[in-house]
Amino acid sequence: IRSTGRICTDIADILTANRHDCKIAYGRE
């Protein structure tokens, strides 16, 4: 969500599409 949260998930989607593994540790909401 919001700008930085969407940047994180966009990066995760690209990594996953290229057969890498990604986790996003977050703190709120």
PDB file of all heavy atoms in Angstrom:
ATOM      1  N   ILE A   1       0.850  -1.198   0.000  1.00  0.00           N
ATOM      2  CA  ILE A   1       0.000   0.000   0.000  1.00  0.00           C
ATOM      3  C   ILE A   1       0.880   1.241   0.000  1.00  0.00           C
ATOM      4  O   ILE A   1       2.023   1.214   0.437  1.00  0.00           O
ATOM      5  CB  ILE A   1      -0.948   0.034   1.214  1.00  0.00           C
ATOM      6  CG1 ILE A   1      -0.164   0.036   2.534  1.00  0.00           C
ATOM      7  CG2 ILE A   1      -1.918  -1.135   1.169  1.00  0.00           C
ATOM      8  CD1 ILE A   1      -1.028   0.251   3.765  1.00  0.00           C
ATOM      9  N   ARG A   2       0.294   2.324  -0.491  1.00  0.00           N
ATOM     10  CA  ARG A   2       0.988   3.604  -0.592  1.00  0.00           C
ATOM     11  C   ARG A   2       2.272   3.475  -1.414  1.00  0.00           C
ATOM     12  O   ARG A   2       2.589   2.409  -1.945  1.00  0.00           O
ATOM     13  CB  ARG A   2       1.225   4.217   0.784  1.00  0.00           C
ATOM     14  CG  ARG A   2      -0.083   4.444   1.546  1.00  0.00           C
ATOM     15  CD  ARG A   2       0.050   5.575   2.546  1.00  0.00           C
ATOM     16  NE  ARG A   2       0.970   5.268   3.609  1.00  0.00           N
ATOM     17  CZ  ARG A   2       0.653   4.572   4.694  1.00  0.00           C
ATOM     18  NH1 ARG A   2      -0.570   4.080   4.823  1.00  0.00           N
ATOM     19  NH2 ARG A   2       1.535   4.361   5.632  1.00  0.00           N
ATOM     20  N   SER A   3       2.995   4.549  -1.552  1.00  0.00           N
ATOM     21  CA  SER A   3       4.102   4.577  -2.516  1.00  0.00           C
ATOM     22  C   SER A   3       5.200   3.580  -2.182  1.00  0.00           C
ATOM     23  O   SER A   3       5.569   2.741  -3.020  1.00  0.00           O
ATOM     24  CB  SER A   3       4.681   5.989  -2.604  1.00  0.00           C
ATOM     25  OG  SER A   3       5.098   6.445  -1.322  1.00  0.00           O
ATOM     26  N   THR A   4       5.728   3.619  -0.963  1.00  0.00           N
ATOM     27  CA  THR A   4       6.855   2.739  -0.639  1.00  0.00           C
ATOM     28  C   THR A   4       6.428   1.276  -0.576  1.00  0.00           C
ATOM     29  O   THR A   4       7.184   0.382  -0.979  1.00  0.00           O
ATOM     30  CB  THR A   4       7.509   3.142   0.685  1.00  0.00           C
ATOM     31  OG1 THR A   4       6.547   3.050   1.761  1.00  0.00           O
ATOM     32  CG2 THR A   4       8.032   4.574   0.621  1.00  0.00           C
ATOM     33  N   GLY A   5       5.223   1.033  -0.083  1.00  0.00           N
ATOM     34  CA  GLY A   5       4.735  -0.347  -0.023  1.00  0.00           C
ATOM     35  C   GLY A   5       4.518  -0.954  -1.387  1.00  0.00           C
ATOM     36  O   GLY A   5       4.755  -2.153  -1.606  1.00  0.00           O
ATOM     37  N   ARG A   6       4.077  -0.114  -2.331  1.00  0.00           N
ATOM     38  CA  ARG A   6       3.881  -0.598  -3.705  1.00  0.00           C
ATOM     39  C   ARG A   6       5.220  -0.815  -4.402  1.00  0.00           C
ATOM     40  O   ARG A   6       5.360  -1.734  -5.218  1.00  0.00           O
ATOM     41  CB  ARG A   6       3.027   0.399  -4.494  1.00  0.00           C
ATOM     42  CG  ARG A   6       1.583   0.519  -4.015  1.00  0.00           C
ATOM     43  CD  ARG A   6       0.788  -0.734  -4.330  1.00  0.00           C
ATOM     44  NE  ARG A   6       0.619  -0.936  -5.756  1.00  0.00           N
ATOM     45  CZ  ARG A   6      -0.324  -0.366  -6.489  1.00  0.00           C
ATOM     46  NH1 ARG A   6      -1.207   0.444  -5.928  1.00  0.00           N
ATOM     47  NH2 ARG A   6      -0.404  -0.605  -7.779  1.00  0.00           N
ATOM     48  N   ILE A   7       6.199   0.019  -4.098  1.00  0.00           N
ATOM     49  CA  ILE A   7       7.534  -0.189  -4.658  1.00  0.00           C
ATOM     50  C   ILE A   7       8.071  -1.550  -4.215  1.00  0.00           C
ATOM     51  O   ILE A   7       8.642  -2.299  -5.011  1.00  0.00           O
ATOM     52  CB  ILE A   7       8.483   0.951  -4.232  1.00  0.00           C
ATOM     53  CG1 ILE A   7       8.115   2.246  -4.972  1.00  0.00           C
ATOM     54  CG2 ILE A   7       9.942   0.587  -4.511  1.00  0.00           C
ATOM     55  CD1 ILE A   7       8.827   3.486  -4.440  1.00  0.00           C
ATOM     56  N   CYS A   8       7.879  -1.871  -2.934  1.00  0.00           N
ATOM     57  CA  CYS A   8       8.344  -3.161  -2.409  1.00  0.00           C
ATOM     58  C   CYS A   8       7.698  -4.330  -3.142  1.00  0.00           C
ATOM     59  O   CYS A   8       8.378  -5.296  -3.534  1.00  0.00           O
ATOM     60  CB  CYS A   8       8.036  -3.261  -0.915  1.00  0.00           C
ATOM     61  SG  CYS A   8       9.052  -2.210   0.132  1.00  0.00           S
ATOM     62  N   THR A   9       6.394  -4.277  -3.317  1.00  0.00           N
ATOM     63  CA  THR A   9       5.708  -5.403  -3.964  1.00  0.00           C
ATOM     64  C   THR A   9       6.009  -5.462  -5.459  1.00  0.00           C
ATOM     65  O   THR A   9       6.048  -6.557  -6.036  1.00  0.00           O
ATOM     66  CB  THR A   9       4.185  -5.343  -3.717  1.00  0.00           C
ATOM     67  OG1 THR A   9       3.690  -4.023  -3.995  1.00  0.00           O
ATOM     68  CG2 THR A   9       3.871  -5.692  -2.268  1.00  0.00           C
ATOM     69  N   ASP A  10       6.238  -4.310  -6.094  1.00  0.00           N
ATOM     70  CA  ASP A  10       6.652  -4.327  -7.506  1.00  0.00           C
ATOM     71  C   ASP A  10       7.990  -5.045  -7.650  1.00  0.00           C
ATOM     72  O   ASP A  10       8.184  -5.854  -8.571  1.00  0.00           O
ATOM     73  CB  ASP A  10       6.771  -2.900  -8.044  1.00  0.00           C
ATOM     74  CG  ASP A  10       5.428  -2.256  -8.322  1.00  0.00           C
ATOM     75  OD1 ASP A  10       4.406  -2.971  -8.303  1.00  0.00           O
ATOM     76  OD2 ASP A  10       5.384  -1.031  -8.550  1.00  0.00           O
ATOM     77  N   ILE A  11       8.932  -4.748  -6.738  1.00  0.00           N
ATOM     78  CA  ILE A  11      10.233  -5.420  -6.764  1.00  0.00           C
ATOM     79  C   ILE A  11      10.057  -6.918  -6.522  1.00  0.00           C
ATOM     80  O   ILE A  11      10.659  -7.755  -7.201  1.00  0.00           O
ATOM     81  CB  ILE A  11      11.170  -4.803  -5.712  1.00  0.00           C
ATOM     82  CG1 ILE A  11      11.548  -3.369  -6.109  1.00  0.00           C
ATOM     83  CG2 ILE A  11      12.429  -5.655  -5.533  1.00  0.00           C
ATOM     84  CD1 ILE A  11      12.315  -2.618  -5.046  1.00  0.00           C
ATOM     85  N   ALA A  12       9.203  -7.262  -5.543  1.00  0.00           N
ATOM     86  CA  ALA A  12       8.962  -8.677  -5.235  1.00  0.00           C
ATOM     87  C   ALA A  12       8.375  -9.413  -6.432  1.00  0.00           C
ATOM     88  O   ALA A  12       8.755 -10.564  -6.712  1.00  0.00           O
ATOM     89  CB  ALA A  12       8.035  -8.796  -4.028  1.00  0.00           C
ATOM     90  N   ASP A  13       7.453  -8.777  -7.150  1.00  0.00           N
ATOM     91  CA  ASP A  13       6.848  -9.408  -8.325  1.00  0.00           C
ATOM     92  C   ASP A  13       7.898  -9.686  -9.408  1.00  0.00           C
ATOM     93  O   ASP A  13       7.893 -10.757 -10.034  1.00  0.00           O
ATOM     94  CB  ASP A  13       5.747  -8.515  -8.905  1.00  0.00           C
ATOM     95  CG  ASP A  13       4.471  -8.525  -8.075  1.00  0.00           C
ATOM     96  OD1 ASP A  13       4.296  -9.458  -7.265  1.00  0.00           O
ATOM     97  OD2 ASP A  13       3.657  -7.596  -8.232  1.00  0.00           O
ATOM     98  N   ILE A  14       8.791  -8.726  -9.617  1.00  0.00           N
ATOM     99  CA  ILE A  14       9.838  -8.903 -10.628  1.00  0.00           C
ATOM    100  C   ILE A  14      10.807 -10.023 -10.213  1.00  0.00           C
ATOM    101  O   ILE A  14      11.211 -10.858 -11.026  1.00  0.00           O
ATOM    102  CB  ILE A  14      10.611  -7.588 -10.848  1.00  0.00           C
ATOM    103  CG1 ILE A  14       9.705  -6.549 -11.521  1.00  0.00           C
ATOM    104  CG2 ILE A  14      11.866  -7.825 -11.686  1.00  0.00           C
ATOM    105  CD1 ILE A  14       9.293  -6.909 -12.934  1.00  0.00           C
ATOM    106  N   LEU A  15      11.178 -10.029  -8.935  1.00  0.00           N
ATOM    107  CA  LEU A  15      12.073 -11.083  -8.445  1.00  0.00           C
ATOM    108  C   LEU A  15      11.441 -12.462  -8.619  1.00  0.00           C
ATOM    109  O   LEU A  15      12.093 -13.405  -9.088  1.00  0.00           O
ATOM    110  CB  LEU A  15      12.400 -10.836  -6.969  1.00  0.00           C
ATOM    111  CG  LEU A  15      13.376  -9.701  -6.672  1.00  0.00           C
ATOM    112  CD1 LEU A  15      13.373  -9.360  -5.178  1.00  0.00           C
ATOM    113  CD2 LEU A  15      14.792 -10.063  -7.119  1.00  0.00           C
ATOM    114  N   THR A  16      10.164 -12.562  -8.251  1.00  0.00           N
ATOM    115  CA  THR A  16       9.462 -13.846  -8.363  1.00  0.00           C
ATOM    116  C   THR A  16       9.351 -14.289  -9.817  1.00  0.00           C
ATOM    117  O   THR A  16       9.529 -15.475 -10.132  1.00  0.00           O
ATOM    118  CB  THR A  16       8.060 -13.737  -7.733  1.00  0.00           C
ATOM    119  OG1 THR A  16       8.188 -13.349  -6.356  1.00  0.00           O
ATOM    120  CG2 THR A  16       7.324 -15.064  -7.804  1.00  0.00           C
ATOM    121  N   ALA A  17       9.072 -13.337 -10.697  1.00  0.00           N
ATOM    122  CA  ALA A  17       8.967 -13.662 -12.126  1.00  0.00           C
ATOM    123  C   ALA A  17      10.286 -14.184 -12.680  1.00  0.00           C
ATOM    124  O   ALA A  17      10.305 -14.929 -13.670  1.00  0.00           O
ATOM    125  CB  ALA A  17       8.512 -12.432 -12.905  1.00  0.00           C
ATOM    126  N   ASN A  18      11.393 -13.804 -12.044  1.00  0.00           N
ATOM    127  CA  ASN A  18      12.710 -14.256 -12.478  1.00  0.00           C
ATOM    128  C   ASN A  18      13.251 -15.385 -11.600  1.00  0.00           C
ATOM    129  O   ASN A  18      14.460 -15.590 -11.497  1.00  0.00           O
ATOM    130  CB  ASN A  18      13.680 -13.075 -12.492  1.00  0.00           C
ATOM    131  CG  ASN A  18      13.442 -12.143 -13.665  1.00  0.00           C
ATOM    132  OD1 ASN A  18      13.960 -12.363 -14.758  1.00  0.00           O
ATOM    133  ND2 ASN A  18      12.655 -11.101 -13.451  1.00  0.00           N
ATOM    134  N   ARG A  19      12.318 -16.077 -10.912  1.00  0.00           N
ATOM    135  CA  ARG A  19      12.609 -17.296 -10.152  1.00  0.00           C
ATOM    136  C   ARG A  19      13.486 -17.068  -8.926  1.00  0.00           C
ATOM    137  O   ARG A  19      14.233 -17.953  -8.522  1.00  0.00           O
ATOM    138  CB  ARG A  19      13.225 -18.360 -11.070  1.00  0.00           C
ATOM    139  CG  ARG A  19      12.296 -18.767 -12.203  1.00  0.00           C
ATOM    140  CD  ARG A  19      12.903 -19.878 -13.019  1.00  0.00           C
ATOM    141  NE  ARG A  19      11.992 -20.282 -14.110  1.00  0.00           N
ATOM    142  CZ  ARG A  19      12.272 -21.244 -14.985  1.00  0.00           C
ATOM    143  NH1 ARG A  19      13.421 -21.912 -14.912  1.00  0.00           N
ATOM    144  NH2 ARG A  19      11.405 -21.549 -15.937  1.00  0.00           N
ATOM    145  N   HIS A  20      13.390 -15.883  -8.355  1.00  0.00           N
ATOM    146  CA  HIS A  20      14.034 -15.616  -7.074  1.00  0.00           C
ATOM    147  C   HIS A  20      12.966 -15.666  -5.987  1.00  0.00           C
ATOM    148  O   HIS A  20      11.766 -15.680  -6.264  1.00  0.00           O
ATOM    149  CB  HIS A  20      14.726 -14.251  -7.083  1.00  0.00           C
ATOM    150  CG  HIS A  20      15.781 -14.129  -8.133  1.00  0.00           C
ATOM    151  ND1 HIS A  20      16.949 -14.835  -8.106  1.00  0.00           N
ATOM    152  CD2 HIS A  20      15.821 -13.351  -9.249  1.00  0.00           C
ATOM    153  CE1 HIS A  20      17.687 -14.521  -9.158  1.00  0.00           C
ATOM    154  NE2 HIS A  20      17.020 -13.627  -9.877  1.00  0.00           N
ATOM    155  N   ASP A  21      13.407 -15.667  -4.737  1.00  0.00           N
ATOM    156  CA  ASP A  21      12.486 -15.687  -3.604  1.00  0.00           C
ATOM    157  C   ASP A  21      12.572 -14.351  -2.879  1.00  0.00           C
ATOM    158  O   ASP A  21      13.668 -13.798  -2.718  1.00  0.00           O
ATOM    159  CB  ASP A  21      12.849 -16.823  -2.643  1.00  0.00           C
ATOM    160  CG  ASP A  21      11.776 -17.022  -1.586  1.00  0.00           C
ATOM    161  OD1 ASP A  21      10.740 -17.621  -1.907  1.00  0.00           O
ATOM    162  OD2 ASP A  21      11.969 -16.561  -0.444  1.00  0.00           O
ATOM    163  N   CYS A  22      11.432 -13.843  -2.445  1.00  0.00           N
ATOM    164  CA  CYS A  22      11.418 -12.540  -1.782  1.00  0.00           C
ATOM    165  C   CYS A  22      10.420 -12.530  -0.635  1.00  0.00           C
ATOM    166  O   CYS A  22       9.308 -13.049  -0.761  1.00  0.00           O
ATOM    167  CB  CYS A  22      11.067 -11.432  -2.782  1.00  0.00           C
ATOM    168  SG  CYS A  22      11.107  -9.771  -2.061  1.00  0.00           S
ATOM    169  N   LYS A  23      10.829 -11.933   0.469  1.00  0.00           N
ATOM    170  CA  LYS A  23       9.943 -11.666   1.585  1.00  0.00           C
ATOM    171  C   LYS A  23       9.987 -10.166   1.890  1.00  0.00           C
ATOM    172  O   LYS A  23      11.023  -9.526   1.723  1.00  0.00           O
ATOM    173  CB  LYS A  23      10.363 -12.451   2.834  1.00  0.00           C
ATOM    174  CG  LYS A  23      10.264 -13.963   2.684  1.00  0.00           C
ATOM    175  CD  LYS A  23       8.822 -14.412   2.500  1.00  0.00           C
ATOM    176  CE  LYS A  23       8.738 -15.932   2.410  1.00  0.00           C
ATOM    177  NZ  LYS A  23       7.343 -16.364   2.089  1.00  0.00           N
ATOM    178  N   ILE A  24       8.848  -9.643   2.336  1.00  0.00           N
ATOM    179  CA  ILE A  24       8.776  -8.225   2.720  1.00  0.00           C
ATOM    180  C   ILE A  24       8.378  -8.159   4.182  1.00  0.00           C
ATOM    181  O   ILE A  24       7.247  -8.502   4.547  1.00  0.00           O
ATOM    182  CB  ILE A  24       7.753  -7.453   1.859  1.00  0.00           C
ATOM    183  CG1 ILE A  24       8.108  -7.558   0.369  1.00  0.00           C
ATOM    184  CG2 ILE A  24       7.695  -5.981   2.296  1.00  0.00           C
ATOM    185  CD1 ILE A  24       7.036  -6.997  -0.546  1.00  0.00           C
ATOM    186  N   ALA A  25       9.302  -7.743   5.011  1.00  0.00           N
ATOM    187  CA  ALA A  25       9.013  -7.545   6.432  1.00  0.00           C
ATOM    188  C   ALA A  25       8.471  -6.136   6.608  1.00  0.00           C
ATOM    189  O   ALA A  25       9.082  -5.170   6.151  1.00  0.00           O
ATOM    190  CB  ALA A  25      10.278  -7.744   7.258  1.00  0.00           C
ATOM    191  N   TYR A  26       7.313  -6.028   7.251  1.00  0.00           N
ATOM    192  CA  TYR A  26       6.665  -4.724   7.384  1.00  0.00           C
ATOM    193  C   TYR A  26       6.201  -4.543   8.830  1.00  0.00           C
ATOM    194  O   TYR A  26       6.115  -5.501   9.601  1.00  0.00           O
ATOM    195  CB  TYR A  26       5.478  -4.610   6.424  1.00  0.00           C
ATOM    196  CG  TYR A  26       4.279  -5.443   6.829  1.00  0.00           C
ATOM    197  CD1 TYR A  26       3.167  -4.850   7.417  1.00  0.00           C
ATOM    198  CD2 TYR A  26       4.262  -6.822   6.648  1.00  0.00           C
ATOM    199  CE1 TYR A  26       2.067  -5.610   7.804  1.00  0.00           C
ATOM    200  CE2 TYR A  26       3.185  -7.586   7.024  1.00  0.00           C
ATOM    201  CZ  TYR A  26       2.084  -6.976   7.610  1.00  0.00           C
ATOM    202  OH  TYR A  26       1.012  -7.732   8.008  1.00  0.00           O
ATOM    203  N   GLY A  27       5.884  -3.299   9.179  1.00  0.00           N
ATOM    204  CA  GLY A  27       5.588  -3.012  10.574  1.00  0.00           C
ATOM    205  C   GLY A  27       4.175  -2.622  10.912  1.00  0.00           C
ATOM    206  O   GLY A  27       3.769  -2.741  12.075  1.00  0.00           O
ATOM    207  N   ARG A  28       3.408  -2.158   9.922  1.00  0.00           N
ATOM    208  CA  ARG A  28       2.117  -1.589  10.297  1.00  0.00           C
ATOM    209  C   ARG A  28       1.107  -1.667   9.170  1.00  0.00           C
ATOM    210  O   ARG A  28       1.449  -1.886   8.022  1.00  0.00           O
ATOM    211  CB  ARG A  28       2.311  -0.134  10.731  1.00  0.00           C
ATOM    212  CG  ARG A  28       3.077   0.715   9.729  1.00  0.00           C
ATOM    213  CD  ARG A  28       3.549   2.025  10.336  1.00  0.00           C
ATOM    214  NE  ARG A  28       2.419   2.768  10.866  1.00  0.00           N
ATOM    215  CZ  ARG A  28       2.508   3.641  11.873  1.00  0.00           C
ATOM    216  NH1 ARG A  28       3.667   3.871  12.437  1.00  0.00           N
ATOM    217  NH2 ARG A  28       1.455   4.291  12.300  1.00  0.00           N
ATOM    218  N   GLU A  29      -0.161  -1.508   9.555  1.00  0.00           N
ATOM    219  CA  GLU A  29      -1.310  -1.495   8.650  1.00  0.00           C
ATOM    220  C   GLU A  29      -1.519  -2.855   7.971  1.00  0.00           C
ATOM    221  O   GLU A  29      -0.818  -3.823   8.250  1.00  0.00           O
ATOM    222  CB  GLU A  29      -1.198  -0.342   7.656  1.00  0.00           C
ATOM    223  CG  GLU A  29      -1.108   1.021   8.378  1.00  0.00           C
ATOM    224  CD  GLU A  29      -1.250   2.185   7.458  1.00  0.00           C
ATOM    225  OE1 GLU A  29      -2.203   2.204   6.659  1.00  0.00           O
ATOM    226  OE2 GLU A  29      -0.413   3.110   7.545  1.00  0.00           O
TER     227      GLU A  29
END
